[in-house]
PDB file of N, CA and C in Angstrom:
ATOM      1  N   MET A   1       0.050  -7.641 -23.376  1.00  0.00           N
ATOM      2  CA  MET A   1      -0.712  -7.109 -21.956  1.00  0.00           C
ATOM      3  C   MET A   1      -2.016  -6.798 -22.229  1.00  0.00           C
ATOM      4  N   SER A   2      -2.812  -7.124 -21.891  1.00  0.00           N
ATOM      5  CA  SER A   2      -3.952  -7.194 -21.741  1.00  0.00           C
ATOM      6  C   SER A   2      -4.077  -5.594 -21.055  1.00  0.00           C
ATOM      7  N   SER A   3      -5.359  -4.766 -21.265  1.00  0.00           N
ATOM      8  CA  SER A   3      -5.824  -3.862 -20.552  1.00  0.00           C
ATOM      9  C   SER A   3      -6.164  -3.877 -18.992  1.00  0.00           C
ATOM     10  N   THR A   4      -6.550  -5.002 -18.857  1.00  0.00           N
ATOM     11  CA  THR A   4      -6.782  -5.393 -17.286  1.00  0.00           C
ATOM     12  C   THR A   4      -5.766  -6.143 -16.603  1.00  0.00           C
ATOM     13  N   ALA A   5      -4.565  -5.899 -17.142  1.00  0.00           N
ATOM     14  CA  ALA A   5      -3.589  -6.617 -16.572  1.00  0.00           C
ATOM     15  C   ALA A   5      -3.303  -5.500 -15.454  1.00  0.00           C
ATOM     16  N   LEU A   6      -2.695  -6.391 -14.090  1.00  0.00           N
ATOM     17  CA  LEU A   6      -2.282  -5.752 -12.771  1.00  0.00           C
ATOM     18  C   LEU A   6      -0.852  -5.386 -13.388  1.00  0.00           C
ATOM     19  N   ILE A   7      -0.282  -3.869 -12.547  1.00  0.00           N
ATOM     20  CA  ILE A   7       1.226  -3.639 -12.787  1.00  0.00           C
ATOM     21  C   ILE A   7       1.105  -3.293 -11.305  1.00  0.00           C
ATOM     22  N   LEU A   8       2.441  -3.638 -10.764  1.00  0.00           N
ATOM     23  CA  LEU A   8       2.765  -3.819  -9.243  1.00  0.00           C
ATOM     24  C   LEU A   8       3.663  -2.487  -9.237  1.00  0.00           C
ATOM     25  N   LEU A   9       3.402  -1.742  -8.068  1.00  0.00           N
ATOM     26  CA  LEU A   9       4.740  -0.978  -8.135  1.00  0.00           C
ATOM     27  C   LEU A   9       5.395  -1.254  -6.833  1.00  0.00           C
ATOM     28  N   LEU A  10       6.644  -1.259  -6.494  1.00  0.00           N
ATOM     29  CA  LEU A  10       7.115  -1.231  -5.100  1.00  0.00           C
ATOM     30  C   LEU A  10       8.094  -0.074  -4.878  1.00  0.00           C
ATOM     31  N   LEU A  11       7.665  -0.063  -3.394  1.00  0.00           N
ATOM     32  CA  LEU A  11       8.020   1.287  -2.759  1.00  0.00           C
ATOM     33  C   LEU A  11       8.399   0.735  -1.543  1.00  0.00           C
ATOM     34  N   GLY A  12       9.689   1.618  -0.669  1.00  0.00           N
ATOM     35  CA  GLY A  12      10.192   1.318   0.441  1.00  0.00           C
ATOM     36  C   GLY A  12       9.920   2.631   0.696  1.00  0.00           C
ATOM     37  N   LEU A  13       9.948   3.012   2.480  1.00  0.00           N
ATOM     38  CA  LEU A  13       9.674   4.201   3.231  1.00  0.00           C
ATOM     39  C   LEU A  13       9.852   4.936   2.258  1.00  0.00           C
ATOM     40  N   GLY A  14       9.615   6.452   2.324  1.00  0.00           N
ATOM     41  CA  GLY A  14      10.101   7.373   1.557  1.00  0.00           C
ATOM     42  C   GLY A  14      10.271   7.544   0.184  1.00  0.00           C
ATOM     43  N   GLN A  15       9.884   6.694  -0.513  1.00  0.00           N
ATOM     44  CA  GLN A  15       9.905   6.661  -1.877  1.00  0.00           C
ATOM     45  C   GLN A  15       8.462   7.026  -2.090  1.00  0.00           C
ATOM     46  N   THR A  16       8.995   7.673  -3.629  1.00  0.00           N
ATOM     47  CA  THR A  16       7.937   8.589  -4.559  1.00  0.00           C
ATOM     48  C   THR A  16       7.721   7.304  -5.883  1.00  0.00           C
ATOM     49  N   VAL A  17       6.867   7.300  -6.057  1.00  0.00           N
ATOM     50  CA  VAL A  17       6.410   6.676  -8.012  1.00  0.00           C
ATOM     51  C   VAL A  17       5.346   7.473  -8.619  1.00  0.00           C
ATOM     52  N   VAL A  18       5.439   7.470  -9.935  1.00  0.00           N
ATOM     53  CA  VAL A  18       4.398   7.762 -10.520  1.00  0.00           C
ATOM     54  C   VAL A  18       3.480   6.956 -10.879  1.00  0.00           C
ATOM     55  N   VAL A  19       2.473   6.752 -10.929  1.00  0.00           N
ATOM     56  CA  VAL A  19       1.167   5.949 -10.977  1.00  0.00           C
ATOM     57  C   VAL A  19       1.005   6.111 -12.504  1.00  0.00           C
ATOM     58  N   PRO A  20       1.580   4.518 -13.118  1.00  0.00           N
ATOM     59  CA  PRO A  20       1.380   4.481 -14.860  1.00  0.00           C
ATOM     60  C   PRO A  20       0.016   4.997 -15.218  1.00  0.00           C
ATOM     61  N   GLY A  21      -0.141   5.857 -16.212  1.00  0.00           N
ATOM     62  CA  GLY A  21      -0.922   6.401 -17.143  1.00  0.00           C
ATOM     63  C   GLY A  21      -1.549   7.564 -16.615  1.00  0.00           C
ATOM     64  N   THR A  22      -0.504   8.140 -15.325  1.00  0.00           N
ATOM     65  CA  THR A  22      -1.489   8.918 -14.928  1.00  0.00           C
ATOM     66  C   THR A  22      -0.423  10.028 -15.000  1.00  0.00           C
ATOM     67  N   THR A  23      -0.559  11.523 -14.205  1.00  0.00           N
ATOM     68  CA  THR A  23       0.284  12.530 -13.501  1.00  0.00           C
ATOM     69  C   THR A  23       0.378  12.356 -12.494  1.00  0.00           C
ATOM     70  N   ALA A  24      -0.643  11.366 -11.724  1.00  0.00           N
ATOM     71  CA  ALA A  24      -0.272  11.340 -10.223  1.00  0.00           C
ATOM     72  C   ALA A  24       1.138  10.518  -9.475  1.00  0.00           C
ATOM     73  N   THR A  25       1.563  11.162  -8.127  1.00  0.00           N
ATOM     74  CA  THR A  25       1.984  10.347  -8.048  1.00  0.00           C
ATOM     75  C   THR A  25       2.068   9.752  -6.404  1.00  0.00           C
ATOM     76  N   VAL A  26       2.691   8.871  -6.025  1.00  0.00           N
ATOM     77  CA  VAL A  26       2.318   8.544  -4.259  1.00  0.00           C
ATOM     78  C   VAL A  26       3.603   8.367  -3.881  1.00  0.00           C
ATOM     79  N   ARG A  27       3.615   8.298  -2.450  1.00  0.00           N
ATOM     80  CA  ARG A  27       4.714   8.477  -1.806  1.00  0.00           C
ATOM     81  C   ARG A  27       4.180   7.494  -0.492  1.00  0.00           C
ATOM     82  N   LEU A  28       5.568   6.215  -0.079  1.00  0.00           N
ATOM     83  CA  LEU A  28       4.646   5.889   0.977  1.00  0.00           C
ATOM     84  C   LEU A  28       5.348   6.455   2.294  1.00  0.00           C
ATOM     85  N   GLU A  29       4.465   6.824   3.053  1.00  0.00           N
ATOM     86  CA  GLU A  29       4.745   7.618   3.967  1.00  0.00           C
ATOM     87  C   GLU A  29       5.111   6.632   5.338  1.00  0.00           C
ATOM     88  N   SER A  30       4.242   5.577   5.633  1.00  0.00           N
ATOM     89  CA  SER A  30       4.355   4.869   6.683  1.00  0.00           C
ATOM     90  C   SER A  30       4.024   3.646   6.576  1.00  0.00           C
ATOM     91  N   VAL A  31       3.689   2.575   7.251  1.00  0.00           N
ATOM     92  CA  VAL A  31       3.370   1.212   7.402  1.00  0.00           C
ATOM     93  C   VAL A  31       2.751   0.821   8.558  1.00  0.00           C
ATOM     94  N   GLU A  32       1.747   0.479   9.209  1.00  0.00           N
ATOM     95  CA  GLU A  32       1.263  -0.191  10.435  1.00  0.00           C
ATOM     96  C   GLU A  32       0.916  -1.550  10.121  1.00  0.00           C
ATOM     97  N   ASP A  33       1.748  -2.661  10.884  1.00  0.00           N
ATOM     98  CA  ASP A  33       1.276  -3.869  10.888  1.00  0.00           C
ATOM     99  C   ASP A  33       0.793  -4.687  11.896  1.00  0.00           C
ATOM    100  N   HIS A  34      -0.100  -5.179  11.723  1.00  0.00           N
ATOM    101  CA  HIS A  34      -1.070  -5.435  12.912  1.00  0.00           C
ATOM    102  C   HIS A  34      -1.657  -6.997  12.363  1.00  0.00           C
ATOM    103  N   ARG A  35      -0.497  -7.409  11.546  1.00  0.00           N
ATOM    104  CA  ARG A  35      -0.969  -8.994  10.917  1.00  0.00           C
ATOM    105  C   ARG A  35      -0.580  -9.651  12.083  1.00  0.00           C
ATOM    106  N   CYS A  36      -1.042 -11.190  12.141  1.00  0.00           N
ATOM    107  CA  CYS A  36      -0.760 -11.934  13.027  1.00  0.00           C
ATOM    108  C   CYS A  36       0.933 -12.638  13.002  1.00  0.00           C
ATOM    109  N   PRO A  37       1.573 -12.807  13.899  1.00  0.00           N
ATOM    110  CA  PRO A  37       3.476 -12.911  13.426  1.00  0.00           C
ATOM    111  C   PRO A  37       3.441 -13.959  12.862  1.00  0.00           C
ATOM    112  N   LYS A  38       4.385 -14.562  11.934  1.00  0.00           N
ATOM    113  CA  LYS A  38       4.755 -15.363  11.186  1.00  0.00           C
ATOM    114  C   LYS A  38       4.915 -16.650  12.646  1.00  0.00           C
ATOM    115  N   GLY A  39       4.704 -17.596  12.241  1.00  0.00           N
ATOM    116  CA  GLY A  39       5.074 -18.915  13.265  1.00  0.00           C
ATOM    117  C   GLY A  39       4.296 -18.828  14.519  1.00  0.00           C
ATOM    118  N   VAL A  40       3.159 -17.806  14.623  1.00  0.00           N
ATOM    119  CA  VAL A  40       2.182 -17.678  15.722  1.00  0.00           C
ATOM    120  C   VAL A  40       0.636 -18.228  15.293  1.00  0.00           C
ATOM    121  N   GLN A  41      -0.188 -18.747  16.219  1.00  0.00           N
ATOM    122  CA  GLN A  41      -1.466 -18.822  15.400  1.00  0.00           C
ATOM    123  C   GLN A  41      -2.638 -17.847  16.682  1.00  0.00           C
ATOM    124  N   CYS A  42      -3.229 -17.395  15.440  1.00  0.00           N
ATOM    125  CA  CYS A  42      -3.673 -16.077  15.954  1.00  0.00           C
ATOM    126  C   CYS A  42      -5.514 -16.314  15.470  1.00  0.00           C
ATOM    127  N   VAL A  43      -6.573 -15.985  16.627  1.00  0.00           N
ATOM    128  CA  VAL A  43      -8.124 -15.807  16.392  1.00  0.00           C
ATOM    129  C   VAL A  43      -7.888 -15.060  15.029  1.00  0.00           C
ATOM    130  N   TRP A  44      -7.066 -14.005  14.948  1.00  0.00           N
ATOM    131  CA  TRP A  44      -7.699 -13.036  13.878  1.00  0.00           C
ATOM    132  C   TRP A  44      -6.441 -13.071  13.250  1.00  0.00           C
ATOM    133  N   ALA A  45      -6.635 -12.784  11.770  1.00  0.00           N
ATOM    134  CA  ALA A  45      -4.932 -12.897  10.807  1.00  0.00           C
ATOM    135  C   ALA A  45      -4.577 -11.486  11.148  1.00  0.00           C
ATOM    136  N   GLY A  46      -5.437 -10.386  11.290  1.00  0.00           N
ATOM    137  CA  GLY A  46      -4.998  -9.080  11.403  1.00  0.00           C
ATOM    138  C   GLY A  46      -5.088  -8.171  10.154  1.00  0.00           C
ATOM    139  N   TYR A  47      -4.178  -7.068  10.168  1.00  0.00           N
ATOM    140  CA  TYR A  47      -4.361  -6.388   9.199  1.00  0.00           C
ATOM    141  C   TYR A  47      -3.251  -5.447   9.055  1.00  0.00           C
ATOM    142  N   VAL A  48      -2.703  -5.006   7.725  1.00  0.00           N
ATOM    143  CA  VAL A  48      -1.391  -4.219   7.614  1.00  0.00           C
ATOM    144  C   VAL A  48      -1.859  -2.954   6.277  1.00  0.00           C
ATOM    145  N   ALA A  49      -1.608  -1.795   7.205  1.00  0.00           N
ATOM    146  CA  ALA A  49      -2.061  -0.521   6.662  1.00  0.00           C
ATOM    147  C   ALA A  49      -1.033   0.137   5.918  1.00  0.00           C
ATOM    148  N   ALA A  50      -0.830   1.103   5.092  1.00  0.00           N
ATOM    149  CA  ALA A  50      -0.074   1.875   4.591  1.00  0.00           C
ATOM    150  C   ALA A  50      -0.710   3.288   4.048  1.00  0.00           C
ATOM    151  N   THR A  51       0.347   4.217   4.347  1.00  0.00           N
ATOM    152  CA  THR A  51      -0.340   5.754   4.477  1.00  0.00           C
ATOM    153  C   THR A  51       0.501   6.337   2.974  1.00  0.00           C
ATOM    154  N   LEU A  52      -0.247   6.618   2.306  1.00  0.00           N
ATOM    155  CA  LEU A  52       0.455   7.221   1.113  1.00  0.00           C
ATOM    156  C   LEU A  52       0.337   8.603   1.116  1.00  0.00           C
ATOM    157  N   GLY A  53       1.527   9.315   0.356  1.00  0.00           N
ATOM    158  CA  GLY A  53       1.221  10.954   0.401  1.00  0.00           C
ATOM    159  C   GLY A  53       0.860  11.034  -1.058  1.00  0.00           C
ATOM    160  N   VAL A  54      -0.478  11.229  -1.236  1.00  0.00           N
ATOM    161  CA  VAL A  54      -0.736  11.391  -2.740  1.00  0.00           C
ATOM    162  C   VAL A  54      -0.618  12.882  -3.445  1.00  0.00           C
ATOM    163  N   ARG A  55      -0.259  12.731  -4.825  1.00  0.00           N
ATOM    164  CA  ARG A  55       0.004  14.074  -5.488  1.00  0.00           C
ATOM    165  C   ARG A  55      -1.038  13.814  -6.630  1.00  0.00           C
ATOM    166  N   GLU A  56      -2.110  14.248  -7.064  1.00  0.00           N
ATOM    167  CA  GLU A  56      -2.973  14.046  -8.496  1.00  0.00           C
ATOM    168  C   GLU A  56      -1.916  14.626  -9.737  1.00  0.00           C
ATOM    169  N   ALA A  57      -1.658  15.655  -9.380  1.00  0.00           N
ATOM    170  CA  ALA A  57      -0.876  16.325 -10.580  1.00  0.00           C
ATOM    171  C   ALA A  57       0.371  17.433  -9.885  1.00  0.00           C
ATOM    172  N   PRO A  58       1.205  17.854 -10.963  1.00  0.00           N
ATOM    173  CA  PRO A  58       2.710  18.504 -10.103  1.00  0.00           C
ATOM    174  C   PRO A  58       2.075  19.837  -9.717  1.00  0.00           C
ATOM    175  N   GLY A  59       1.958  20.265  -8.793  1.00  0.00           N
ATOM    176  CA  GLY A  59       1.967  21.542  -8.029  1.00  0.00           C
ATOM    177  C   GLY A  59       0.678  21.235  -7.451  1.00  0.00           C
ATOM    178  N   GLN A  60      -0.090  20.264  -7.253  1.00  0.00           N
ATOM    179  CA  GLN A  60      -1.021  20.215  -6.237  1.00  0.00           C
ATOM    180  C   GLN A  60      -0.859  19.744  -5.016  1.00  0.00           C
ATOM    181  N   ALA A  61      -1.376  20.038  -3.862  1.00  0.00           N
ATOM    182  CA  ALA A  61      -1.446  19.837  -2.587  1.00  0.00           C
ATOM    183  C   ALA A  61      -1.092  18.060  -2.620  1.00  0.00           C
ATOM    184  N   ILE A  62      -0.338  17.620  -1.196  1.00  0.00           N
ATOM    185  CA  ILE A  62      -0.485  16.276  -0.963  1.00  0.00           C
ATOM    186  C   ILE A  62      -1.456  16.005   0.053  1.00  0.00           C
ATOM    187  N   ARG A  63      -2.299  14.941  -0.457  1.00  0.00           N
ATOM    188  CA  ARG A  63      -3.404  14.361   0.512  1.00  0.00           C
ATOM    189  C   ARG A  63      -2.928  12.801   0.952  1.00  0.00           C
ATOM    190  N   GLN A  64      -2.919  12.731   2.078  1.00  0.00           N
ATOM    191  CA  GLN A  64      -2.720  11.219   2.571  1.00  0.00           C
ATOM    192  C   GLN A  64      -3.948  10.174   2.572  1.00  0.00           C
ATOM    193  N   VAL A  65      -3.645   9.069   2.056  1.00  0.00           N
ATOM    194  CA  VAL A  65      -4.968   7.815   2.046  1.00  0.00           C
ATOM    195  C   VAL A  65      -4.204   6.900   2.711  1.00  0.00           C
ATOM    196  N   VAL A  66      -4.792   5.873   3.200  1.00  0.00           N
ATOM    197  CA  VAL A  66      -4.545   4.783   3.809  1.00  0.00           C
ATOM    198  C   VAL A  66      -4.990   3.900   3.395  1.00  0.00           C
ATOM    199  N   LEU A  67      -4.528   2.901   2.908  1.00  0.00           N
ATOM    200  CA  LEU A  67      -4.898   1.622   2.325  1.00  0.00           C
ATOM    201  C   LEU A  67      -4.753   0.425   3.020  1.00  0.00           C
ATOM    202  N   SER A  68      -5.648  -0.477   3.131  1.00  0.00           N
ATOM    203  CA  SER A  68      -5.180  -1.659   4.115  1.00  0.00           C
ATOM    204  C   SER A  68      -5.613  -3.318   3.388  1.00  0.00           C
ATOM    205  N   GLN A  69      -4.764  -4.330   4.362  1.00  0.00           N
ATOM    206  CA  GLN A  69      -5.009  -5.779   3.541  1.00  0.00           C
ATOM    207  C   GLN A  69      -5.077  -6.533   4.631  1.00  0.00           C
ATOM    208  N   PRO A  70      -6.158  -7.102   4.695  1.00  0.00           N
ATOM    209  CA  PRO A  70      -6.913  -7.248   4.033  1.00  0.00           C
ATOM    210  C   PRO A  70      -8.084  -6.266   3.749  1.00  0.00           C
ATOM    211  N   PRO A  71      -8.623  -5.778   2.749  1.00  0.00           N
ATOM    212  CA  PRO A  71      -9.522  -4.546   2.901  1.00  0.00           C
ATOM    213  C   PRO A  71     -10.224  -4.318   3.994  1.00  0.00           C
ATOM    214  N   LEU A  72     -10.067  -3.198   4.495  1.00  0.00           N
ATOM    215  CA  LEU A  72     -10.781  -2.499   5.751  1.00  0.00           C
ATOM    216  C   LEU A  72     -11.662  -1.099   4.919  1.00  0.00           C
ATOM    217  N   GLN A  73     -13.063  -0.855   5.042  1.00  0.00           N
ATOM    218  CA  GLN A  73     -13.699   0.084   4.598  1.00  0.00           C
ATOM    219  C   GLN A  73     -13.980   1.083   5.831  1.00  0.00           C
ATOM    220  N   THR A  74     -13.345   1.652   6.348  1.00  0.00           N
ATOM    221  CA  THR A  74     -13.706   2.612   7.715  1.00  0.00           C
ATOM    222  C   THR A  74     -13.552   4.201   7.232  1.00  0.00           C
ATOM    223  N   SER A  75     -13.655   4.939   7.848  1.00  0.00           N
ATOM    224  CA  SER A  75     -13.545   6.363   7.847  1.00  0.00           C
ATOM    225  C   SER A  75     -11.550   6.669   7.694  1.00  0.00           C
ATOM    226  N   ALA A  76     -11.108   5.692   8.330  1.00  0.00           N
ATOM    227  CA  ALA A  76      -9.517   6.528   8.168  1.00  0.00           C
ATOM    228  C   ALA A  76      -9.108   5.403   7.201  1.00  0.00           C
ATOM    229  N   MET A  77      -9.421   4.405   6.730  1.00  0.00           N
ATOM    230  CA  MET A  77      -9.099   3.412   5.850  1.00  0.00           C
ATOM    231  C   MET A  77      -9.552   3.217   4.468  1.00  0.00           C
ATOM    232  N   THR A  78      -9.010   2.924   3.602  1.00  0.00           N
ATOM    233  CA  THR A  78     -10.223   2.316   2.137  1.00  0.00           C
ATOM    234  C   THR A  78      -9.297   1.272   1.405  1.00  0.00           C
ATOM    235  N   SER A  79     -10.025   0.349   0.752  1.00  0.00           N
ATOM    236  CA  SER A  79      -9.342  -0.709   0.066  1.00  0.00           C
ATOM    237  C   SER A  79      -8.807  -0.104  -1.083  1.00  0.00           C
ATOM    238  N   ARG A  80      -9.172   0.753  -1.877  1.00  0.00           N
ATOM    239  CA  ARG A  80      -8.848   1.260  -3.186  1.00  0.00           C
ATOM    240  C   ARG A  80      -8.953   2.601  -3.555  1.00  0.00           C
ATOM    241  N   LEU A  81      -7.870   3.300  -4.003  1.00  0.00           N
ATOM    242  CA  LEU A  81      -7.842   4.646  -4.423  1.00  0.00           C
ATOM    243  C   LEU A  81      -7.755   4.814  -5.963  1.00  0.00           C
ATOM    244  N   VAL A  82      -8.578   5.474  -6.416  1.00  0.00           N
ATOM    245  CA  VAL A  82      -9.081   5.455  -7.930  1.00  0.00           C
ATOM    246  C   VAL A  82      -8.454   6.961  -8.318  1.00  0.00           C
ATOM    247  N   LEU A  83      -7.252   7.194  -9.005  1.00  0.00           N
ATOM    248  CA  LEU A  83      -6.464   8.340  -9.519  1.00  0.00           C
ATOM    249  C   LEU A  83      -6.924   8.191 -11.077  1.00  0.00           C
ATOM    250  N   GLN A  84      -7.222   9.485 -11.395  1.00  0.00           N
ATOM    251  CA  GLN A  84      -7.483   9.414 -13.220  1.00  0.00           C
ATOM    252  C   GLN A  84      -7.301   8.207 -13.833  1.00  0.00           C
ATOM    253  N   GLY A  85      -8.477   7.157 -13.696  1.00  0.00           N
ATOM    254  CA  GLY A  85      -8.803   6.295 -14.364  1.00  0.00           C
ATOM    255  C   GLY A  85      -8.159   4.760 -13.932  1.00  0.00           C
ATOM    256  N   GLN A  86      -6.897   5.121 -12.877  1.00  0.00           N
ATOM    257  CA  GLN A  86      -6.444   3.715 -12.249  1.00  0.00           C
ATOM    258  C   GLN A  86      -6.569   3.549 -10.910  1.00  0.00           C
ATOM    259  N   ALA A  87      -6.889   2.256 -10.715  1.00  0.00           N
ATOM    260  CA  ALA A  87      -7.147   2.009  -9.573  1.00  0.00           C
ATOM    261  C   ALA A  87      -5.981   1.318  -8.614  1.00  0.00           C
ATOM    262  N   LEU A  88      -5.750   1.608  -7.371  1.00  0.00           N
ATOM    263  CA  LEU A  88      -4.630   1.119  -6.583  1.00  0.00           C
ATOM    264  C   LEU A  88      -4.961   0.271  -5.312  1.00  0.00           C
ATOM    265  N   THR A  89      -4.569  -0.604  -5.262  1.00  0.00           N
ATOM    266  CA  THR A  89      -4.821  -1.383  -4.346  1.00  0.00           C
ATOM    267  C   THR A  89      -3.413  -1.964  -3.341  1.00  0.00           C
ATOM    268  N   LEU A  90      -3.153  -2.241  -2.002  1.00  0.00           N
ATOM    269  CA  LEU A  90      -2.641  -2.752  -1.215  1.00  0.00           C
ATOM    270  C   LEU A  90      -2.278  -4.021  -1.490  1.00  0.00           C
ATOM    271  N   GLU A  91      -1.283  -4.718  -2.394  1.00  0.00           N
ATOM    272  CA  GLU A  91      -1.308  -6.177  -2.524  1.00  0.00           C
ATOM    273  C   GLU A  91      -0.405  -7.012  -1.605  1.00  0.00           C
ATOM    274  N   SER A  92       0.922  -6.073  -0.812  1.00  0.00           N
ATOM    275  CA  SER A  92       1.258  -7.034   0.259  1.00  0.00           C
ATOM    276  C   SER A  92       2.525  -6.021   0.801  1.00  0.00           C
ATOM    277  N   VAL A  93       2.955  -6.199   1.882  1.00  0.00           N
ATOM    278  CA  VAL A  93       3.803  -5.631   2.532  1.00  0.00           C
ATOM    279  C   VAL A  93       4.660  -6.633   3.100  1.00  0.00           C
ATOM    280  N   GLU A  94       5.991  -6.303   2.779  1.00  0.00           N
ATOM    281  CA  GLU A  94       6.729  -7.713   3.317  1.00  0.00           C
ATOM    282  C   GLU A  94       8.407  -6.534   3.937  1.00  0.00           C
ATOM    283  N   PRO A  95       9.085  -7.409   5.274  1.00  0.00           N
ATOM    284  CA  PRO A  95       8.881  -8.806   5.545  1.00  0.00           C
ATOM    285  C   PRO A  95       7.386  -8.711   6.572  1.00  0.00           C
ATOM    286  N   GLN A  96       6.856  -9.416   6.661  1.00  0.00           N
ATOM    287  CA  GLN A  96       5.591 -10.082   7.675  1.00  0.00           C
ATOM    288  C   GLN A  96       6.216  -9.842   9.125  1.00  0.00           C
ATOM    289  N   ARG A  97       5.866  -9.599  10.017  1.00  0.00           N
ATOM    290  CA  ARG A  97       6.538  -9.444  11.320  1.00  0.00           C
ATOM    291  C   ARG A  97       6.563 -10.846  12.108  1.00  0.00           C
ATOM    292  N   SER A  98       7.543 -11.172  12.534  1.00  0.00           N
ATOM    293  CA  SER A  98       7.554 -12.441  13.181  1.00  0.00           C
ATOM    294  C   SER A  98       7.811 -12.342  14.944  1.00  0.00           C
ATOM    295  N   PHE A  99       7.529 -13.603  15.910  1.00  0.00           N
ATOM    296  CA  PHE A  99       7.249 -13.682  16.905  1.00  0.00           C
ATOM    297  C   PHE A  99       9.157 -13.823  17.450  1.00  0.00           C
ATOM    298  N   GLN A 100       9.803 -13.303  17.085  1.00  0.00           N
ATOM    299  CA  GLN A 100      11.103 -13.626  17.239  1.00  0.00           C
ATOM    300  C   GLN A 100      11.783 -12.208  18.235  1.00  0.00           C
ATOM    301  N   PRO A 101      12.727 -12.144  18.813  1.00  0.00           N
ATOM    302  CA  PRO A 101      13.238 -10.958  19.648  1.00  0.00           C
ATOM    303  C   PRO A 101      13.901 -10.202  18.633  1.00  0.00           C
ATOM    304  N   LYS A 102      13.758  -8.995  18.578  1.00  0.00           N
ATOM    305  CA  LYS A 102      14.606  -8.090  17.573  1.00  0.00           C
ATOM    306  C   LYS A 102      15.580  -7.973  17.272  1.00  0.00           C
ATOM    307  N   GLY A 103      15.508  -8.300  16.254  1.00  0.00           N
ATOM    308  CA  GLY A 103      16.737  -8.571  15.335  1.00  0.00           C
ATOM    309  C   GLY A 103      17.428  -7.233  14.740  1.00  0.00           C
ATOM    310  N   PRO A 104      18.543  -7.442  13.528  1.00  0.00           N
ATOM    311  CA  PRO A 104      18.633  -6.387  12.799  1.00  0.00           C
ATOM    312  C   PRO A 104      17.441  -5.674  12.168  1.00  0.00           C
ATOM    313  N   ALA A 105      17.212  -4.366  11.826  1.00  0.00           N
ATOM    314  CA  ALA A 105      15.777  -3.804  11.206  1.00  0.00           C
ATOM    315  C   ALA A 105      16.126  -4.324   9.570  1.00  0.00           C
ATOM    316  N   VAL A 106      14.729  -4.565   8.902  1.00  0.00           N
ATOM    317  CA  VAL A 106      14.697  -5.090   7.732  1.00  0.00           C
ATOM    318  C   VAL A 106      13.760  -4.128   6.976  1.00  0.00           C
ATOM    319  N   PRO A 107      14.484  -3.493   5.981  1.00  0.00           N
ATOM    320  CA  PRO A 107      13.671  -2.644   5.308  1.00  0.00           C
ATOM    321  C   PRO A 107      12.215  -2.909   4.596  1.00  0.00           C
ATOM    322  N   VAL A 108      11.125  -2.362   4.725  1.00  0.00           N
ATOM    323  CA  VAL A 108       9.463  -2.615   4.504  1.00  0.00           C
ATOM    324  C   VAL A 108       9.441  -2.372   2.951  1.00  0.00           C
ATOM    325  N   ARG A 109       9.203  -3.397   2.396  1.00  0.00           N
ATOM    326  CA  ARG A 109       8.670  -3.064   0.897  1.00  0.00           C
ATOM    327  C   ARG A 109       7.037  -3.362   0.869  1.00  0.00           C
ATOM    328  N   VAL A 110       6.488  -2.147   0.265  1.00  0.00           N
ATOM    329  CA  VAL A 110       5.050  -2.484  -0.142  1.00  0.00           C
ATOM    330  C   VAL A 110       4.783  -2.644  -1.461  1.00  0.00           C
ATOM    331  N   SER A 111       3.816  -3.581  -1.965  1.00  0.00           N
ATOM    332  CA  SER A 111       3.656  -3.675  -3.188  1.00  0.00           C
ATOM    333  C   SER A 111       2.776  -3.211  -3.774  1.00  0.00           C
ATOM    334  N   LEU A 112       2.251  -2.185  -4.648  1.00  0.00           N
ATOM    335  CA  LEU A 112       0.983  -1.924  -4.996  1.00  0.00           C
ATOM    336  C   LEU A 112       0.508  -2.167  -6.389  1.00  0.00           C
ATOM    337  N   GLY A 113      -0.884  -2.518  -6.444  1.00  0.00           N
ATOM    338  CA  GLY A 113      -1.604  -3.024  -7.489  1.00  0.00           C
ATOM    339  C   GLY A 113      -2.175  -1.976  -8.481  1.00  0.00           C
ATOM    340  N   VAL A 114      -2.009  -1.704  -9.728  1.00  0.00           N
ATOM    341  CA  VAL A 114      -2.654  -0.824 -10.295  1.00  0.00           C
ATOM    342  C   VAL A 114      -3.380  -1.243 -11.766  1.00  0.00           C
ATOM    343  N   SER A 115      -4.246  -1.224 -11.665  1.00  0.00           N
ATOM    344  CA  SER A 115      -5.283  -1.562 -12.980  1.00  0.00           C
ATOM    345  C   SER A 115      -6.315  -0.769 -13.308  1.00  0.00           C
ATOM    346  N   PRO A 116      -6.813  -0.865 -14.322  1.00  0.00           N
ATOM    347  CA  PRO A 116      -7.585   0.293 -14.989  1.00  0.00           C
ATOM    348  C   PRO A 116      -9.034   0.159 -13.979  1.00  0.00           C
ATOM    349  N   ALA A 117      -9.457   1.166 -13.347  1.00  0.00           N
ATOM    350  CA  ALA A 117     -10.731   1.358 -12.785  1.00  0.00           C
ATOM    351  C   ALA A 117     -11.975   1.199 -13.688  1.00  0.00           C
ATOM    352  N   SER A 118     -12.876   0.460 -12.989  1.00  0.00           N
ATOM    353  CA  SER A 118     -13.997   0.179 -14.048  1.00  0.00           C
ATOM    354  C   SER A 118     -15.120   0.129 -13.380  1.00  0.00           C
TER     355      SER A 118
END
């Protein structure tokens, strides 16, 4: 594996993981899905955002960061989070919502990409 390889972290709501190569942890707090539903043609594809609870080191306070896909740069959202030399990006959120009547709830899974920040 090269030093620029992308590592994927898979999280469900409420799950916490350690960011590889750091002492930082991230917890998936919530997901907002504003993407165009599957099976529907939309003028705008929309976006999805994941709120993370970030702790940079044991004992430090948790701060909230919102990552978006596609990358949106606003005061409330960012496309990239750098922690101790590692860059995190929101790679995917599954399942994508559909335009069907509500069925059984399906757990949301978020993939975060981790790569060296440069």
